[in-house]
């Protein structure tokens, strides 16, 4: 019904949230992206709206989603313009410089619900999610693990707990606010961290925004969570506390099961496992699976 480029204009806007980001990847003007996205929505009598930064389409999506499945099958069959994205902190080490046919996203997801929805709707082809919050029991998806690493308590370099005279215990963190993502963002992680009984300071963000995450720790008192990936993102501005969270995380690929055995996906797995191996050499806390 729609040629691949025309539908891609709409889906790249939904996926990337930005006309500028879409034009960068589609090699066209923002006017072209907007015109094509609007024409698809108008033809299907859908009402595009942007709510809390995310594009949504009101109306009957059955025909659109069927068309998306056809286009996704075409991408996988031809090995062309396959879309890959990741949670925050993981994009740079795994996706930078990734060769065609892969088109990388913004790697700013701060939860599992939205990227999984993009996968189900055939807007996204592969997602690098975070263990243990993965759809491993879902019959529609295959999960391939790349690495494991500890979760850290991250603080500003001037945080008073860094001057604590004795070995830190969880009780020493009580009384300090600890950032917490919205309920359901990472259910298994959140259940573990909530069980620590620390004061929680909710952050209403489903995508990474510096002012709403690490910016909240600039009071030099608030504690956040991080990983070997996010520590590297901060350039030394945030440091881990010398105290275990007791939580193990990891990088894992999520793909529709029907495409998991394809040659192009297996080549991706081999390539990203190689990158995980290199990361384990520069980030000792990270171990390959």
C-alpha atoms as a PDB file:
ATOM      1  CA  UNK A   1       0.000   0.000   0.000  1.00  0.00           C
ATOM      2  CA  UNK A   2       2.774   2.412   0.973  1.00  0.00           C
ATOM      3  CA  UNK A   3       6.294   2.344  -0.398  1.00  0.00           C
ATOM      4  CA  UNK A   4       8.976   1.636   2.262  1.00  0.00           C
ATOM      5  CA  UNK A   5      10.284   5.215   2.354  1.00  0.00           C
ATOM      6  CA  UNK A   6       6.865   6.780   2.854  1.00  0.00           C
ATOM      7  CA  UNK A   7       5.963   4.554   5.802  1.00  0.00           C
ATOM      8  CA  UNK A   8       9.484   4.899   7.220  1.00  0.00           C
ATOM      9  CA  UNK A   9       8.959   8.659   7.496  1.00  0.00           C
ATOM     10  CA  UNK A  10       6.057   8.075   9.887  1.00  0.00           C
ATOM     11  CA  UNK A  11       7.690   5.262  11.837  1.00  0.00           C
ATOM     12  CA  UNK A  12      11.046   7.032  12.216  1.00  0.00           C
ATOM     13  CA  UNK A  13       9.200   9.988  13.761  1.00  0.00           C
ATOM     14  CA  UNK A  14       7.492   7.649  16.228  1.00  0.00           C
ATOM     15  CA  UNK A  15      10.693   5.731  16.955  1.00  0.00           C
ATOM     16  CA  UNK A  16      13.106   8.686  17.223  1.00  0.00           C
ATOM     17  CA  UNK A  17      10.641  11.376  18.456  1.00  0.00           C
ATOM     18  CA  UNK A  18      12.378  14.006  16.321  1.00  0.00           C
ATOM     19  CA  UNK A  19      12.051  15.156  12.741  1.00  0.00           C
ATOM     20  CA  UNK A  20      15.707  16.173  12.780  1.00  0.00           C
ATOM     21  CA  UNK A  21      16.795  12.705  13.927  1.00  0.00           C
ATOM     22  CA  UNK A  22      14.584  11.113  11.262  1.00  0.00           C
ATOM     23  CA  UNK A  23      15.991  13.262   8.468  1.00  0.00           C
ATOM     24  CA  UNK A  24      19.543  12.422   9.527  1.00  0.00           C
ATOM     25  CA  UNK A  25      18.872   8.715   9.054  1.00  0.00           C
ATOM     26  CA  UNK A  26      16.604   8.962   6.002  1.00  0.00           C
ATOM     27  CA  UNK A  27      18.848  11.461   4.187  1.00  0.00           C
ATOM     28  CA  UNK A  28      16.072  13.873   3.298  1.00  0.00           C
ATOM     29  CA  UNK A  29      14.582  17.150   4.513  1.00  0.00           C
ATOM     30  CA  UNK A  30      12.331  17.564   7.551  1.00  0.00           C
ATOM     31  CA  UNK A  31       9.628  18.829   5.210  1.00  0.00           C
ATOM     32  CA  UNK A  32       9.796  15.543   3.295  1.00  0.00           C
ATOM     33  CA  UNK A  33       9.520  13.526   6.501  1.00  0.00           C
ATOM     34  CA  UNK A  34       6.575  15.579   7.752  1.00  0.00           C
ATOM     35  CA  UNK A  35       4.746  15.489   4.421  1.00  0.00           C
ATOM     36  CA  UNK A  36       5.067  11.730   4.018  1.00  0.00           C
ATOM     37  CA  UNK A  37       4.195  10.978   7.653  1.00  0.00           C
ATOM     38  CA  UNK A  38       1.086  13.166   7.390  1.00  0.00           C
ATOM     39  CA  UNK A  39       0.000  11.565   4.129  1.00  0.00           C
ATOM     40  CA  UNK A  40       0.113   8.064   5.665  1.00  0.00           C
ATOM     41  CA  UNK A  41      -1.805   9.189   8.757  1.00  0.00           C
ATOM     42  CA  UNK A  42      -4.385  11.067   6.677  1.00  0.00           C
ATOM     43  CA  UNK A  43      -4.935   8.147   4.292  1.00  0.00           C
ATOM     44  CA  UNK A  44      -5.607   5.797   7.229  1.00  0.00           C
ATOM     45  CA  UNK A  45      -7.694   8.446   9.038  1.00  0.00           C
ATOM     46  CA  UNK A  46      -5.352   8.445  12.022  1.00  0.00           C
ATOM     47  CA  UNK A  47      -4.803  11.396  14.332  1.00  0.00           C
ATOM     48  CA  UNK A  48      -1.103  11.871  15.208  1.00  0.00           C
ATOM     49  CA  UNK A  49      -0.447  13.492  18.582  1.00  0.00           C
ATOM     50  CA  UNK A  50       2.629  14.096  20.672  1.00  0.00           C
ATOM     51  CA  UNK A  51       2.084  13.315  24.352  1.00  0.00           C
ATOM     52  CA  UNK A  52       4.932  13.732  26.854  1.00  0.00           C
ATOM     53  CA  UNK A  53       7.401  13.757  23.994  1.00  0.00           C
ATOM     54  CA  UNK A  54       6.152  10.546  22.353  1.00  0.00           C
ATOM     55  CA  UNK A  55       4.162  10.396  19.108  1.00  0.00           C
ATOM     56  CA  UNK A  56       0.895   8.461  19.286  1.00  0.00           C
ATOM     57  CA  UNK A  57      -1.701   7.664  16.638  1.00  0.00           C
ATOM     58  CA  UNK A  58      -5.383   7.712  17.547  1.00  0.00           C
ATOM     59  CA  UNK A  59      -7.671   5.513  15.469  1.00  0.00           C
ATOM     60  CA  UNK A  60      -7.836   1.999  14.048  1.00  0.00           C
ATOM     61  CA  UNK A  61      -4.220   0.813  13.679  1.00  0.00           C
ATOM     62  CA  UNK A  62      -4.977  -2.672  12.318  1.00  0.00           C
ATOM     63  CA  UNK A  63      -4.246  -1.859   8.661  1.00  0.00           C
ATOM     64  CA  UNK A  64      -1.133   0.160   9.560  1.00  0.00           C
ATOM     65  CA  UNK A  65       0.282  -2.609  11.733  1.00  0.00           C
ATOM     66  CA  UNK A  66      -0.352  -5.187   9.013  1.00  0.00           C
ATOM     67  CA  UNK A  67       1.534  -2.983   6.555  1.00  0.00           C
ATOM     68  CA  UNK A  68       4.365  -2.601   9.041  1.00  0.00           C
ATOM     69  CA  UNK A  69       4.729  -6.371   9.300  1.00  0.00           C
ATOM     70  CA  UNK A  70       5.067  -6.647   5.534  1.00  0.00           C
ATOM     71  CA  UNK A  71       7.694  -3.896   5.448  1.00  0.00           C
ATOM     72  CA  UNK A  72       9.601  -5.475   8.318  1.00  0.00           C
ATOM     73  CA  UNK A  73       9.674  -8.834   6.543  1.00  0.00           C
ATOM     74  CA  UNK A  74      11.017  -7.028   3.470  1.00  0.00           C
ATOM     75  CA  UNK A  75      13.786  -5.385   5.531  1.00  0.00           C
ATOM     76  CA  UNK A  76      14.876  -8.714   7.026  1.00  0.00           C
ATOM     77  CA  UNK A  77      14.617 -10.598   3.718  1.00  0.00           C
ATOM     78  CA  UNK A  78      16.630  -8.002   1.805  1.00  0.00           C
ATOM     79  CA  UNK A  79      18.928  -7.106   4.709  1.00  0.00           C
ATOM     80  CA  UNK A  80      18.182  -3.403   4.267  1.00  0.00           C
ATOM     81  CA  UNK A  81      17.788  -0.542   6.759  1.00  0.00           C
ATOM     82  CA  UNK A  82      17.232  -2.726   9.821  1.00  0.00           C
ATOM     83  CA  UNK A  83      16.535  -0.657  12.938  1.00  0.00           C
ATOM     84  CA  UNK A  84      18.333  -1.229  16.228  1.00  0.00           C
ATOM     85  CA  UNK A  85      18.158   0.687  19.497  1.00  0.00           C
ATOM     86  CA  UNK A  86      19.155   0.280  23.127  1.00  0.00           C
ATOM     87  CA  UNK A  87      18.558   1.406  26.679  1.00  0.00           C
ATOM     88  CA  UNK A  88      20.435   4.463  27.906  1.00  0.00           C
ATOM     89  CA  UNK A  89      24.186   4.039  28.267  1.00  0.00           C
ATOM     90  CA  UNK A  90      24.495   1.046  25.970  1.00  0.00           C
ATOM     91  CA  UNK A  91      24.252   2.736  22.576  1.00  0.00           C
ATOM     92  CA  UNK A  92      27.748   4.127  22.257  1.00  0.00           C
ATOM     93  CA  UNK A  93      29.748   0.962  22.970  1.00  0.00           C
ATOM     94  CA  UNK A  94      27.568  -1.330  20.876  1.00  0.00           C
ATOM     95  CA  UNK A  95      26.053   0.780  18.119  1.00  0.00           C
ATOM     96  CA  UNK A  96      28.589   3.458  17.172  1.00  0.00           C
ATOM     97  CA  UNK A  97      30.022   2.729  13.767  1.00  0.00           C
ATOM     98  CA  UNK A  98      27.775  -0.274  13.247  1.00  0.00           C
ATOM     99  CA  UNK A  99      27.807  -0.959   9.523  1.00  0.00           C
ATOM    100  CA  UNK A 100      24.851  -1.339   7.167  1.00  0.00           C
ATOM    101  CA  UNK A 101      22.254  -2.747   7.128  1.00  0.00           C
ATOM    102  CA  UNK A 102      21.863  -1.478  10.688  1.00  0.00           C
ATOM    103  CA  UNK A 103      20.369   1.930  11.471  1.00  0.00           C
ATOM    104  CA  UNK A 104      20.962   2.930  15.100  1.00  0.00           C
ATOM    105  CA  UNK A 105      18.557   4.837  17.312  1.00  0.00           C
ATOM    106  CA  UNK A 106      19.105   7.349  20.108  1.00  0.00           C
ATOM    107  CA  UNK A 107      19.709   4.786  22.877  1.00  0.00           C
ATOM    108  CA  UNK A 108      17.773   6.838  25.416  1.00  0.00           C
ATOM    109  CA  UNK A 109      15.128   4.400  26.666  1.00  0.00           C
ATOM    110  CA  UNK A 110      14.681   4.344  30.465  1.00  0.00           C
ATOM    111  CA  UNK A 111      12.279   1.420  30.671  1.00  0.00           C
ATOM    112  CA  UNK A 112      11.082  -1.697  28.853  1.00  0.00           C
ATOM    113  CA  UNK A 113       7.458  -0.939  27.940  1.00  0.00           C
ATOM    114  CA  UNK A 114       7.953   1.462  25.045  1.00  0.00           C
ATOM    115  CA  UNK A 115      10.796  -0.306  23.188  1.00  0.00           C
ATOM    116  CA  UNK A 116       8.934  -3.626  23.485  1.00  0.00           C
ATOM    117  CA  UNK A 117       5.873  -1.944  21.995  1.00  0.00           C
ATOM    118  CA  UNK A 118       8.000  -0.684  19.091  1.00  0.00           C
ATOM    119  CA  UNK A 119       9.260  -4.241  18.544  1.00  0.00           C
ATOM    120  CA  UNK A 120       5.735  -5.695  18.608  1.00  0.00           C
ATOM    121  CA  UNK A 121       4.495  -3.072  16.159  1.00  0.00           C
ATOM    122  CA  UNK A 122       7.353  -3.869  13.715  1.00  0.00           C
ATOM    123  CA  UNK A 123       8.672  -0.302  14.016  1.00  0.00           C
ATOM    124  CA  UNK A 124      11.897  -1.503  15.661  1.00  0.00           C
ATOM    125  CA  UNK A 125      13.761  -4.634  14.541  1.00  0.00           C
ATOM    126  CA  UNK A 126      16.232  -5.273  17.378  1.00  0.00           C
ATOM    127  CA  UNK A 127      16.572  -3.822  20.855  1.00  0.00           C
ATOM    128  CA  UNK A 128      19.431  -4.120  23.336  1.00  0.00           C
ATOM    129  CA  UNK A 129      17.605  -4.488  26.628  1.00  0.00           C
ATOM    130  CA  UNK A 130      18.785  -4.877  30.187  1.00  0.00           C
ATOM    131  CA  UNK A 131      18.854  -8.147  32.125  1.00  0.00           C
ATOM    132  CA  UNK A 132      16.921  -9.161  34.231  1.00  0.00           C
ATOM    133  CA  UNK A 133      13.983  -7.206  32.763  1.00  0.00           C
ATOM    134  CA  UNK A 134      13.576  -9.094  29.507  1.00  0.00           C
ATOM    135  CA  UNK A 135      10.691 -10.899  27.743  1.00  0.00           C
ATOM    136  CA  UNK A 136      12.313 -14.329  28.125  1.00  0.00           C
ATOM    137  CA  UNK A 137       8.940 -16.040  28.676  1.00  0.00           C
ATOM    138  CA  UNK A 138       7.289 -14.299  25.733  1.00  0.00           C
ATOM    139  CA  UNK A 139       6.722 -16.694  22.787  1.00  0.00           C
ATOM    140  CA  UNK A 140       7.065 -13.832  20.286  1.00  0.00           C
ATOM    141  CA  UNK A 141      10.625 -12.874  21.245  1.00  0.00           C
ATOM    142  CA  UNK A 142      14.075 -14.440  21.374  1.00  0.00           C
ATOM    143  CA  UNK A 143      16.627 -13.112  23.879  1.00  0.00           C
ATOM    144  CA  UNK A 144      20.391 -13.434  23.401  1.00  0.00           C
ATOM    145  CA  UNK A 145      22.633 -12.402  26.296  1.00  0.00           C
ATOM    146  CA  UNK A 146      25.853 -10.484  25.713  1.00  0.00           C
ATOM    147  CA  UNK A 147      27.165  -9.540  29.162  1.00  0.00           C
ATOM    148  CA  UNK A 148      26.670  -9.290  32.920  1.00  0.00           C
ATOM    149  CA  UNK A 149      27.796  -6.579  35.355  1.00  0.00           C
ATOM    150  CA  UNK A 150      26.885  -5.139  38.780  1.00  0.00           C
ATOM    151  CA  UNK A 151      24.573  -2.209  39.353  1.00  0.00           C
ATOM    152  CA  UNK A 152      26.216   0.632  41.298  1.00  0.00           C
ATOM    153  CA  UNK A 153      25.050   3.351  43.629  1.00  0.00           C
ATOM    154  CA  UNK A 154      26.251   6.518  41.853  1.00  0.00           C
ATOM    155  CA  UNK A 155      26.905   9.824  43.617  1.00  0.00           C
ATOM    156  CA  UNK A 156      28.445  13.218  42.999  1.00  0.00           C
ATOM    157  CA  UNK A 157      32.172  13.390  43.751  1.00  0.00           C
ATOM    158  CA  UNK A 158      31.402  15.671  46.725  1.00  0.00           C
ATOM    159  CA  UNK A 159      28.842  13.318  48.290  1.00  0.00           C
ATOM    160  CA  UNK A 160      29.346  13.030  52.100  1.00  0.00           C
ATOM    161  CA  UNK A 161      29.131   9.216  52.013  1.00  0.00           C
ATOM    162  CA  UNK A 162      32.462   9.144  50.170  1.00  0.00           C
ATOM    163  CA  UNK A 163      34.028  10.485  53.370  1.00  0.00           C
ATOM    164  CA  UNK A 164      32.327   7.923  55.581  1.00  0.00           C
ATOM    165  CA  UNK A 165      34.840   6.776  58.245  1.00  0.00           C
ATOM    166  CA  UNK A 166      33.830   3.093  58.141  1.00  0.00           C
ATOM    167  CA  UNK A 167      32.859   0.524  55.549  1.00  0.00           C
ATOM    168  CA  UNK A 168      29.473   1.512  54.148  1.00  0.00           C
ATOM    169  CA  UNK A 169      26.307  -0.457  54.874  1.00  0.00           C
ATOM    170  CA  UNK A 170      22.833  -0.029  53.426  1.00  0.00           C
ATOM    171  CA  UNK A 171      21.724   1.633  56.657  1.00  0.00           C
ATOM    172  CA  UNK A 172      24.196   4.457  56.010  1.00  0.00           C
ATOM    173  CA  UNK A 173      22.268   5.408  52.870  1.00  0.00           C
ATOM    174  CA  UNK A 174      18.988   5.893  54.693  1.00  0.00           C
ATOM    175  CA  UNK A 175      18.099   9.548  54.896  1.00  0.00           C
ATOM    176  CA  UNK A 176      19.555  10.322  51.475  1.00  0.00           C
ATOM    177  CA  UNK A 177      17.126  10.545  48.538  1.00  0.00           C
ATOM    178  CA  UNK A 178      17.601   7.857  45.874  1.00  0.00           C
ATOM    179  CA  UNK A 179      16.315   8.373  42.341  1.00  0.00           C
ATOM    180  CA  UNK A 180      13.634   5.965  41.181  1.00  0.00           C
ATOM    181  CA  UNK A 181      12.121   5.502  37.719  1.00  0.00           C
ATOM    182  CA  UNK A 182       8.334   5.308  37.240  1.00  0.00           C
ATOM    183  CA  UNK A 183       6.646   2.120  38.422  1.00  0.00           C
ATOM    184  CA  UNK A 184       6.953  -0.616  35.828  1.00  0.00           C
ATOM    185  CA  UNK A 185       9.961   0.861  34.028  1.00  0.00           C
ATOM    186  CA  UNK A 186      12.168  -2.101  35.023  1.00  0.00           C
ATOM    187  CA  UNK A 187       9.945  -4.259  37.275  1.00  0.00           C
ATOM    188  CA  UNK A 188      12.513  -6.830  38.447  1.00  0.00           C
ATOM    189  CA  UNK A 189      15.205  -4.238  39.119  1.00  0.00           C
ATOM    190  CA  UNK A 190      12.735  -2.006  40.909  1.00  0.00           C
ATOM    191  CA  UNK A 191      11.473  -4.838  43.116  1.00  0.00           C
ATOM    192  CA  UNK A 192      15.037  -5.532  44.257  1.00  0.00           C
ATOM    193  CA  UNK A 193      15.947  -1.898  44.854  1.00  0.00           C
ATOM    194  CA  UNK A 194      12.652  -1.126  46.586  1.00  0.00           C
ATOM    195  CA  UNK A 195      13.409  -4.018  48.917  1.00  0.00           C
ATOM    196  CA  UNK A 196      16.478  -2.170  50.171  1.00  0.00           C
ATOM    197  CA  UNK A 197      14.118   0.222  51.955  1.00  0.00           C
ATOM    198  CA  UNK A 198      15.749   3.459  50.818  1.00  0.00           C
ATOM    199  CA  UNK A 199      13.988   6.776  50.439  1.00  0.00           C
ATOM    200  CA  UNK A 200      12.759   7.051  46.843  1.00  0.00           C
ATOM    201  CA  UNK A 201      12.714  10.218  44.732  1.00  0.00           C
ATOM    202  CA  UNK A 202      10.604   9.392  41.628  1.00  0.00           C
ATOM    203  CA  UNK A 203      11.690  10.550  38.179  1.00  0.00           C
ATOM    204  CA  UNK A 204       8.891  10.771  35.616  1.00  0.00           C
ATOM    205  CA  UNK A 205      10.994  10.024  32.544  1.00  0.00           C
ATOM    206  CA  UNK A 206      10.732   7.150  30.086  1.00  0.00           C
ATOM    207  CA  UNK A 207      13.633   8.487  27.998  1.00  0.00           C
ATOM    208  CA  UNK A 208      16.959   9.707  29.314  1.00  0.00           C
ATOM    209  CA  UNK A 209      17.155  13.440  29.957  1.00  0.00           C
ATOM    210  CA  UNK A 210      20.268  14.673  31.823  1.00  0.00           C
ATOM    211  CA  UNK A 211      18.400  17.349  33.787  1.00  0.00           C
ATOM    212  CA  UNK A 212      15.876  14.782  35.078  1.00  0.00           C
ATOM    213  CA  UNK A 213      18.389  12.059  35.944  1.00  0.00           C
ATOM    214  CA  UNK A 214      22.042  12.833  36.721  1.00  0.00           C
ATOM    215  CA  UNK A 215      21.118  16.507  36.980  1.00  0.00           C
ATOM    216  CA  UNK A 216      19.087  15.583  40.061  1.00  0.00           C
ATOM    217  CA  UNK A 217      22.309  14.506  41.837  1.00  0.00           C
ATOM    218  CA  UNK A 218      23.946  17.928  41.549  1.00  0.00           C
ATOM    219  CA  UNK A 219      22.703  18.739  45.046  1.00  0.00           C
ATOM    220  CA  UNK A 220      25.608  16.451  46.103  1.00  0.00           C
ATOM    221  CA  UNK A 221      23.207  14.433  48.277  1.00  0.00           C
ATOM    222  CA  UNK A 222      20.899  12.527  45.912  1.00  0.00           C
ATOM    223  CA  UNK A 223      21.953   8.994  44.962  1.00  0.00           C
ATOM    224  CA  UNK A 224      21.279   7.402  41.588  1.00  0.00           C
ATOM    225  CA  UNK A 225      21.944   3.982  40.101  1.00  0.00           C
ATOM    226  CA  UNK A 226      24.342   3.127  37.327  1.00  0.00           C
ATOM    227  CA  UNK A 227      26.416   0.529  35.543  1.00  0.00           C
ATOM    228  CA  UNK A 228      29.894   0.311  33.985  1.00  0.00           C
ATOM    229  CA  UNK A 229      28.284   1.854  30.887  1.00  0.00           C
ATOM    230  CA  UNK A 230      26.731   4.880  32.580  1.00  0.00           C
ATOM    231  CA  UNK A 231      29.785   5.525  34.757  1.00  0.00           C
ATOM    232  CA  UNK A 232      31.734   5.872  31.513  1.00  0.00           C
ATOM    233  CA  UNK A 233      29.119   8.349  30.194  1.00  0.00           C
ATOM    234  CA  UNK A 234      29.674  10.756  33.091  1.00  0.00           C
ATOM    235  CA  UNK A 235      33.357  11.382  32.412  1.00  0.00           C
ATOM    236  CA  UNK A 236      34.289  11.129  36.090  1.00  0.00           C
ATOM    237  CA  UNK A 237      31.573  13.514  37.341  1.00  0.00           C
ATOM    238  CA  UNK A 238      29.758  10.656  39.099  1.00  0.00           C
ATOM    239  CA  UNK A 239      31.424   7.823  40.970  1.00  0.00           C
ATOM    240  CA  UNK A 240      30.205   4.516  42.448  1.00  0.00           C
ATOM    241  CA  UNK A 241      29.851   4.184  46.184  1.00  0.00           C
ATOM    242  CA  UNK A 242      31.983   1.402  47.689  1.00  0.00           C
ATOM    243  CA  UNK A 243      28.849  -0.611  48.494  1.00  0.00           C
ATOM    244  CA  UNK A 244      27.150  -3.362  46.518  1.00  0.00           C
ATOM    245  CA  UNK A 245      23.531  -2.960  45.444  1.00  0.00           C
ATOM    246  CA  UNK A 246      23.281  -6.752  45.308  1.00  0.00           C
ATOM    247  CA  UNK A 247      21.842  -6.454  41.804  1.00  0.00           C
ATOM    248  CA  UNK A 248      23.304  -7.958  38.628  1.00  0.00           C
ATOM    249  CA  UNK A 249      22.456  -6.384  35.268  1.00  0.00           C
ATOM    250  CA  UNK A 250      23.425  -7.232  31.709  1.00  0.00           C
ATOM    251  CA  UNK A 251      23.143  -6.411  28.021  1.00  0.00           C
ATOM    252  CA  UNK A 252      20.852  -8.643  25.967  1.00  0.00           C
ATOM    253  CA  UNK A 253      19.526  -8.587  22.415  1.00  0.00           C
ATOM    254  CA  UNK A 254      15.768  -8.879  21.911  1.00  0.00           C
ATOM    255  CA  UNK A 255      14.335  -9.759  18.501  1.00  0.00           C
ATOM    256  CA  UNK A 256      11.179 -11.317  17.135  1.00  0.00           C
ATOM    257  CA  UNK A 257      11.647 -15.072  17.254  1.00  0.00           C
ATOM    258  CA  UNK A 258      10.836 -15.491  13.557  1.00  0.00           C
ATOM    259  CA  UNK A 259      13.981 -13.510  12.645  1.00  0.00           C
ATOM    260  CA  UNK A 260      16.361 -14.884  15.284  1.00  0.00           C
ATOM    261  CA  UNK A 261      17.900 -17.531  13.011  1.00  0.00           C
ATOM    262  CA  UNK A 262      18.337 -15.240  10.013  1.00  0.00           C
ATOM    263  CA  UNK A 263      21.849 -14.823   8.660  1.00  0.00           C
ATOM    264  CA  UNK A 264      21.838 -11.059   9.097  1.00  0.00           C
ATOM    265  CA  UNK A 265      20.850 -11.361  12.767  1.00  0.00           C
ATOM    266  CA  UNK A 266      23.427 -14.058  13.477  1.00  0.00           C
ATOM    267  CA  UNK A 267      26.084 -11.798  11.964  1.00  0.00           C
ATOM    268  CA  UNK A 268      24.917  -9.023  14.302  1.00  0.00           C
ATOM    269  CA  UNK A 269      25.180 -11.337  17.320  1.00  0.00           C
ATOM    270  CA  UNK A 270      28.740 -12.257  16.375  1.00  0.00           C
ATOM    271  CA  UNK A 271      29.697  -8.621  15.906  1.00  0.00           C
ATOM    272  CA  UNK A 272      28.180  -7.425  19.188  1.00  0.00           C
ATOM    273  CA  UNK A 273      29.663 -10.316  21.147  1.00  0.00           C
ATOM    274  CA  UNK A 274      33.015  -9.154  19.832  1.00  0.00           C
ATOM    275  CA  UNK A 275      32.292  -5.659  21.116  1.00  0.00           C
ATOM    276  CA  UNK A 276      31.270  -7.086  24.488  1.00  0.00           C
ATOM    277  CA  UNK A 277      34.609  -8.887  24.631  1.00  0.00           C
ATOM    278  CA  UNK A 278      36.457  -5.629  23.996  1.00  0.00           C
ATOM    279  CA  UNK A 279      34.360  -3.870  26.640  1.00  0.00           C
ATOM    280  CA  UNK A 280      35.273  -6.522  29.210  1.00  0.00           C
ATOM    281  CA  UNK A 281      38.929  -5.572  28.721  1.00  0.00           C
ATOM    282  CA  UNK A 282      38.379  -1.869  29.424  1.00  0.00           C
ATOM    283  CA  UNK A 283      35.579  -2.251  32.009  1.00  0.00           C
ATOM    284  CA  UNK A 284      36.683  -4.978  34.445  1.00  0.00           C
ATOM    285  CA  UNK A 285      33.263  -5.185  36.112  1.00  0.00           C
ATOM    286  CA  UNK A 286      31.718  -6.359  32.825  1.00  0.00           C
ATOM    287  CA  UNK A 287      31.815 -10.062  31.969  1.00  0.00           C
ATOM    288  CA  UNK A 288      30.836 -11.647  28.665  1.00  0.00           C
ATOM    289  CA  UNK A 289      28.139 -14.317  28.556  1.00  0.00           C
END
